[in-house]
């Protein structure tokens, strides 16, 4: 996010990365977000899942709300994330932006946007959240799609036995 912040569209790009990571969004789900998907009264985001996934309403944290309010002040149109020309940001444009941010951050491997979704799943599982809750949060129809996130670091087993 720090690397993305340094470019011309830094705030938009940082906000996109933040939302994609925290809400486990696919590229198409992120670029499809519209201002009417946000309920400012309840601080929630309506996530419409692609690939036949289950849509959800997810809470927005203060950091996300501040970033979105700033974007909204600068916005015109119905989509949250727009290109330089004011058109909705394309999936390819978003994917290039994430890859450029990865290069600028000097990652030794190619970064792609779907890594943010996977990182969300692994983080939630590592934090001990219930697999069924993660399934619904990520919009998976099948628990089998979610189980991959439960194969994680051995530190999750600490505290299973007390001596």
C-alpha atoms as a PDB file:
ATOM      1  CA  UNK A   1       0.000   0.000   0.000  1.00  0.00           C
ATOM      2  CA  UNK A   2       2.887   2.360   0.732  1.00  0.00           C
ATOM      3  CA  UNK A   3       4.273   1.746  -2.758  1.00  0.00           C
ATOM      4  CA  UNK A   4       0.853   2.349  -4.360  1.00  0.00           C
ATOM      5  CA  UNK A   5       0.461   5.583  -2.407  1.00  0.00           C
ATOM      6  CA  UNK A   6       3.384   7.151  -4.294  1.00  0.00           C
ATOM      7  CA  UNK A   7       1.813   7.202  -7.756  1.00  0.00           C
ATOM      8  CA  UNK A   8      -0.458   9.795  -9.347  1.00  0.00           C
ATOM      9  CA  UNK A   9      -3.643   7.973  -8.330  1.00  0.00           C
ATOM     10  CA  UNK A  10      -2.231   6.944  -4.965  1.00  0.00           C
ATOM     11  CA  UNK A  11      -5.284   7.410  -2.766  1.00  0.00           C
ATOM     12  CA  UNK A  12      -7.571   5.555  -5.173  1.00  0.00           C
ATOM     13  CA  UNK A  13      -5.070   2.709  -5.502  1.00  0.00           C
ATOM     14  CA  UNK A  14      -4.443   2.397  -1.759  1.00  0.00           C
ATOM     15  CA  UNK A  15      -8.184   2.368  -1.101  1.00  0.00           C
ATOM     16  CA  UNK A  16      -8.695  -0.322  -3.751  1.00  0.00           C
ATOM     17  CA  UNK A  17      -5.960  -2.506  -2.245  1.00  0.00           C
ATOM     18  CA  UNK A  18      -7.313  -1.968   1.276  1.00  0.00           C
ATOM     19  CA  UNK A  19     -10.875  -2.948   0.323  1.00  0.00           C
ATOM     20  CA  UNK A  20      -9.778  -5.907  -1.813  1.00  0.00           C
ATOM     21  CA  UNK A  21      -7.681  -7.265   1.047  1.00  0.00           C
ATOM     22  CA  UNK A  22     -10.073  -6.636   3.918  1.00  0.00           C
ATOM     23  CA  UNK A  23     -13.133  -7.918   2.080  1.00  0.00           C
ATOM     24  CA  UNK A  24     -11.492 -10.676   0.049  1.00  0.00           C
ATOM     25  CA  UNK A  25     -12.635  -9.153  -3.224  1.00  0.00           C
ATOM     26  CA  UNK A  26     -11.898 -10.570  -6.655  1.00  0.00           C
ATOM     27  CA  UNK A  27     -10.788  -8.015  -9.246  1.00  0.00           C
ATOM     28  CA  UNK A  28     -14.205  -8.004 -10.933  1.00  0.00           C
ATOM     29  CA  UNK A  29     -15.960  -7.535  -7.591  1.00  0.00           C
ATOM     30  CA  UNK A  30     -13.753  -4.597  -6.670  1.00  0.00           C
ATOM     31  CA  UNK A  31     -14.085  -2.703  -9.949  1.00  0.00           C
ATOM     32  CA  UNK A  32     -17.836  -3.355  -9.889  1.00  0.00           C
ATOM     33  CA  UNK A  33     -18.319  -1.586  -6.551  1.00  0.00           C
ATOM     34  CA  UNK A  34     -20.722   1.327  -6.726  1.00  0.00           C
ATOM     35  CA  UNK A  35     -21.415   4.146  -4.310  1.00  0.00           C
ATOM     36  CA  UNK A  36     -24.879   2.738  -3.594  1.00  0.00           C
ATOM     37  CA  UNK A  37     -23.189  -0.460  -2.312  1.00  0.00           C
ATOM     38  CA  UNK A  38     -22.186   1.524   0.767  1.00  0.00           C
ATOM     39  CA  UNK A  39     -24.667   2.085   3.569  1.00  0.00           C
ATOM     40  CA  UNK A  40     -23.170   5.077   5.352  1.00  0.00           C
ATOM     41  CA  UNK A  41     -25.730   4.859   8.183  1.00  0.00           C
ATOM     42  CA  UNK A  42     -24.750   1.320   9.190  1.00  0.00           C
ATOM     43  CA  UNK A  43     -21.133   1.475   7.913  1.00  0.00           C
ATOM     44  CA  UNK A  44     -21.592  -1.598   5.763  1.00  0.00           C
ATOM     45  CA  UNK A  45     -20.571  -2.640   2.281  1.00  0.00           C
ATOM     46  CA  UNK A  46     -22.796  -4.756   0.067  1.00  0.00           C
ATOM     47  CA  UNK A  47     -20.506  -7.238  -1.658  1.00  0.00           C
ATOM     48  CA  UNK A  48     -21.914  -8.771  -4.835  1.00  0.00           C
ATOM     49  CA  UNK A  49     -19.870 -11.914  -5.438  1.00  0.00           C
ATOM     50  CA  UNK A  50     -18.975 -13.196  -8.879  1.00  0.00           C
ATOM     51  CA  UNK A  51     -18.531 -16.825  -9.948  1.00  0.00           C
ATOM     52  CA  UNK A  52     -21.859 -17.770  -8.377  1.00  0.00           C
ATOM     53  CA  UNK A  53     -20.699 -16.740  -4.909  1.00  0.00           C
ATOM     54  CA  UNK A  54     -22.946 -15.686  -2.067  1.00  0.00           C
ATOM     55  CA  UNK A  55     -23.258 -11.931  -1.602  1.00  0.00           C
ATOM     56  CA  UNK A  56     -22.911 -10.413   1.857  1.00  0.00           C
ATOM     57  CA  UNK A  57     -23.105  -7.188   3.797  1.00  0.00           C
ATOM     58  CA  UNK A  58     -19.803  -6.588   5.561  1.00  0.00           C
ATOM     59  CA  UNK A  59     -18.852  -3.978   8.140  1.00  0.00           C
ATOM     60  CA  UNK A  60     -16.582  -1.138   7.080  1.00  0.00           C
ATOM     61  CA  UNK A  61     -13.909  -0.090   9.579  1.00  0.00           C
ATOM     62  CA  UNK A  62     -13.093   3.543  10.318  1.00  0.00           C
ATOM     63  CA  UNK A  63      -9.983   3.532   8.113  1.00  0.00           C
ATOM     64  CA  UNK A  64     -12.004   2.266   5.163  1.00  0.00           C
ATOM     65  CA  UNK A  65     -14.785   4.781   5.741  1.00  0.00           C
ATOM     66  CA  UNK A  66     -12.329   7.687   5.860  1.00  0.00           C
ATOM     67  CA  UNK A  67     -10.671   6.544   2.635  1.00  0.00           C
ATOM     68  CA  UNK A  68     -14.021   6.097   0.909  1.00  0.00           C
ATOM     69  CA  UNK A  69     -15.309   9.512   2.050  1.00  0.00           C
ATOM     70  CA  UNK A  70     -12.219  11.153   0.566  1.00  0.00           C
ATOM     71  CA  UNK A  71     -12.694   9.263  -2.691  1.00  0.00           C
ATOM     72  CA  UNK A  72     -16.353  10.222  -2.740  1.00  0.00           C
ATOM     73  CA  UNK A  73     -15.487  13.916  -2.423  1.00  0.00           C
ATOM     74  CA  UNK A  74     -13.325  13.584  -5.533  1.00  0.00           C
ATOM     75  CA  UNK A  75     -15.774  11.307  -7.400  1.00  0.00           C
ATOM     76  CA  UNK A  76     -18.239  11.695 -10.174  1.00  0.00           C
ATOM     77  CA  UNK A  77     -20.357   8.817 -11.394  1.00  0.00           C
ATOM     78  CA  UNK A  78     -21.755   5.692  -9.842  1.00  0.00           C
ATOM     79  CA  UNK A  79     -18.610   3.546  -9.589  1.00  0.00           C
ATOM     80  CA  UNK A  80     -16.221   3.881  -6.669  1.00  0.00           C
ATOM     81  CA  UNK A  81     -13.085   3.135  -8.644  1.00  0.00           C
ATOM     82  CA  UNK A  82     -12.702   5.019 -11.907  1.00  0.00           C
ATOM     83  CA  UNK A  83      -9.962   5.504 -14.471  1.00  0.00           C
ATOM     84  CA  UNK A  84      -8.244   8.754 -15.371  1.00  0.00           C
ATOM     85  CA  UNK A  85     -10.983   9.346 -17.939  1.00  0.00           C
ATOM     86  CA  UNK A  86     -13.762   8.870 -15.378  1.00  0.00           C
ATOM     87  CA  UNK A  87     -14.870   5.489 -16.719  1.00  0.00           C
ATOM     88  CA  UNK A  88     -15.201   2.531 -14.353  1.00  0.00           C
ATOM     89  CA  UNK A  89     -11.776   1.041 -13.674  1.00  0.00           C
ATOM     90  CA  UNK A  90     -11.332  -2.110 -15.737  1.00  0.00           C
ATOM     91  CA  UNK A  91     -10.316  -5.474 -14.309  1.00  0.00           C
ATOM     92  CA  UNK A  92      -7.133  -5.357 -16.412  1.00  0.00           C
ATOM     93  CA  UNK A  93      -6.364  -1.812 -15.231  1.00  0.00           C
ATOM     94  CA  UNK A  94      -6.779  -2.835 -11.605  1.00  0.00           C
ATOM     95  CA  UNK A  95      -4.631  -5.929 -12.083  1.00  0.00           C
ATOM     96  CA  UNK A  96      -1.865  -3.836 -13.699  1.00  0.00           C
ATOM     97  CA  UNK A  97      -2.054  -1.360 -10.820  1.00  0.00           C
ATOM     98  CA  UNK A  98      -1.567  -4.121  -8.237  1.00  0.00           C
ATOM     99  CA  UNK A  99       1.315  -5.604 -10.230  1.00  0.00           C
ATOM    100  CA  UNK A 100       2.996  -2.168 -10.496  1.00  0.00           C
ATOM    101  CA  UNK A 101       2.584  -1.652  -6.745  1.00  0.00           C
ATOM    102  CA  UNK A 102       4.244  -5.026  -6.155  1.00  0.00           C
ATOM    103  CA  UNK A 103       7.170  -4.029  -8.380  1.00  0.00           C
ATOM    104  CA  UNK A 104       7.486  -0.638  -6.670  1.00  0.00           C
ATOM    105  CA  UNK A 105       7.496  -2.405  -3.287  1.00  0.00           C
ATOM    106  CA  UNK A 106      10.355  -4.571  -4.611  1.00  0.00           C
ATOM    107  CA  UNK A 107       8.674  -7.917  -4.054  1.00  0.00           C
ATOM    108  CA  UNK A 108      10.989 -10.584  -5.473  1.00  0.00           C
ATOM    109  CA  UNK A 109       8.056 -12.241  -7.291  1.00  0.00           C
ATOM    110  CA  UNK A 110       5.115 -11.149  -9.410  1.00  0.00           C
ATOM    111  CA  UNK A 111       2.204  -9.806  -7.373  1.00  0.00           C
ATOM    112  CA  UNK A 112      -1.304 -10.314  -8.710  1.00  0.00           C
ATOM    113  CA  UNK A 113      -4.604  -8.993  -7.417  1.00  0.00           C
ATOM    114  CA  UNK A 114      -6.015 -12.390  -6.402  1.00  0.00           C
ATOM    115  CA  UNK A 115      -3.232 -12.650  -3.805  1.00  0.00           C
ATOM    116  CA  UNK A 116      -5.133 -10.048  -1.789  1.00  0.00           C
ATOM    117  CA  UNK A 117      -8.182 -12.343  -1.646  1.00  0.00           C
ATOM    118  CA  UNK A 118      -6.057 -15.313  -0.606  1.00  0.00           C
ATOM    119  CA  UNK A 119      -4.244 -13.190   1.982  1.00  0.00           C
ATOM    120  CA  UNK A 120      -7.597 -12.234   3.468  1.00  0.00           C
ATOM    121  CA  UNK A 121      -8.622 -15.885   3.807  1.00  0.00           C
ATOM    122  CA  UNK A 122      -5.315 -16.927   5.370  1.00  0.00           C
ATOM    123  CA  UNK A 123      -5.320 -13.964   7.758  1.00  0.00           C
ATOM    124  CA  UNK A 124      -8.839 -14.707   8.981  1.00  0.00           C
ATOM    125  CA  UNK A 125      -8.016 -18.401   9.427  1.00  0.00           C
ATOM    126  CA  UNK A 126      -4.743 -17.627  11.215  1.00  0.00           C
ATOM    127  CA  UNK A 127      -6.646 -15.295  13.540  1.00  0.00           C
ATOM    128  CA  UNK A 128      -8.774 -18.283  14.541  1.00  0.00           C
ATOM    129  CA  UNK A 129     -12.039 -17.350  12.849  1.00  0.00           C
ATOM    130  CA  UNK A 130     -14.502 -20.140  12.231  1.00  0.00           C
ATOM    131  CA  UNK A 131     -14.175 -21.814   8.813  1.00  0.00           C
ATOM    132  CA  UNK A 132     -17.913 -21.438   8.137  1.00  0.00           C
ATOM    133  CA  UNK A 133     -17.730 -17.722   8.917  1.00  0.00           C
ATOM    134  CA  UNK A 134     -14.778 -17.337   6.528  1.00  0.00           C
ATOM    135  CA  UNK A 135     -16.742 -19.292   3.900  1.00  0.00           C
ATOM    136  CA  UNK A 136     -19.595 -16.795   4.055  1.00  0.00           C
ATOM    137  CA  UNK A 137     -17.287 -13.779   4.317  1.00  0.00           C
ATOM    138  CA  UNK A 138     -15.503 -14.792   1.100  1.00  0.00           C
ATOM    139  CA  UNK A 139     -18.770 -15.823  -0.551  1.00  0.00           C
ATOM    140  CA  UNK A 140     -17.797 -19.439  -1.203  1.00  0.00           C
ATOM    141  CA  UNK A 141     -20.717 -21.720  -2.004  1.00  0.00           C
ATOM    142  CA  UNK A 142     -18.688 -24.780  -1.034  1.00  0.00           C
ATOM    143  CA  UNK A 143     -16.756 -25.172   2.208  1.00  0.00           C
ATOM    144  CA  UNK A 144     -14.142 -27.070   0.165  1.00  0.00           C
ATOM    145  CA  UNK A 145     -13.083 -23.754  -1.371  1.00  0.00           C
ATOM    146  CA  UNK A 146     -12.496 -22.338   2.101  1.00  0.00           C
ATOM    147  CA  UNK A 147     -10.697 -25.276   3.673  1.00  0.00           C
ATOM    148  CA  UNK A 148      -7.433 -24.373   1.862  1.00  0.00           C
ATOM    149  CA  UNK A 149      -7.049 -21.438   4.245  1.00  0.00           C
ATOM    150  CA  UNK A 150      -7.078 -23.686   7.288  1.00  0.00           C
ATOM    151  CA  UNK A 151      -3.832 -25.388   6.222  1.00  0.00           C
ATOM    152  CA  UNK A 152      -1.590 -22.810   7.750  1.00  0.00           C
ATOM    153  CA  UNK A 153       1.169 -22.156  10.176  1.00  0.00           C
ATOM    154  CA  UNK A 154       1.689 -24.463  13.133  1.00  0.00           C
ATOM    155  CA  UNK A 155       1.302 -21.597  15.623  1.00  0.00           C
ATOM    156  CA  UNK A 156      -2.475 -22.090  15.351  1.00  0.00           C
ATOM    157  CA  UNK A 157      -2.009 -25.282  17.364  1.00  0.00           C
ATOM    158  CA  UNK A 158      -0.493 -23.508  20.341  1.00  0.00           C
ATOM    159  CA  UNK A 159      -2.659 -23.812  23.375  1.00  0.00           C
ATOM    160  CA  UNK A 160      -4.370 -27.034  22.281  1.00  0.00           C
ATOM    161  CA  UNK A 161      -2.792 -28.719  25.308  1.00  0.00           C
ATOM    162  CA  UNK A 162      -1.816 -27.139  28.568  1.00  0.00           C
ATOM    163  CA  UNK A 163       0.766 -28.808  30.848  1.00  0.00           C
END
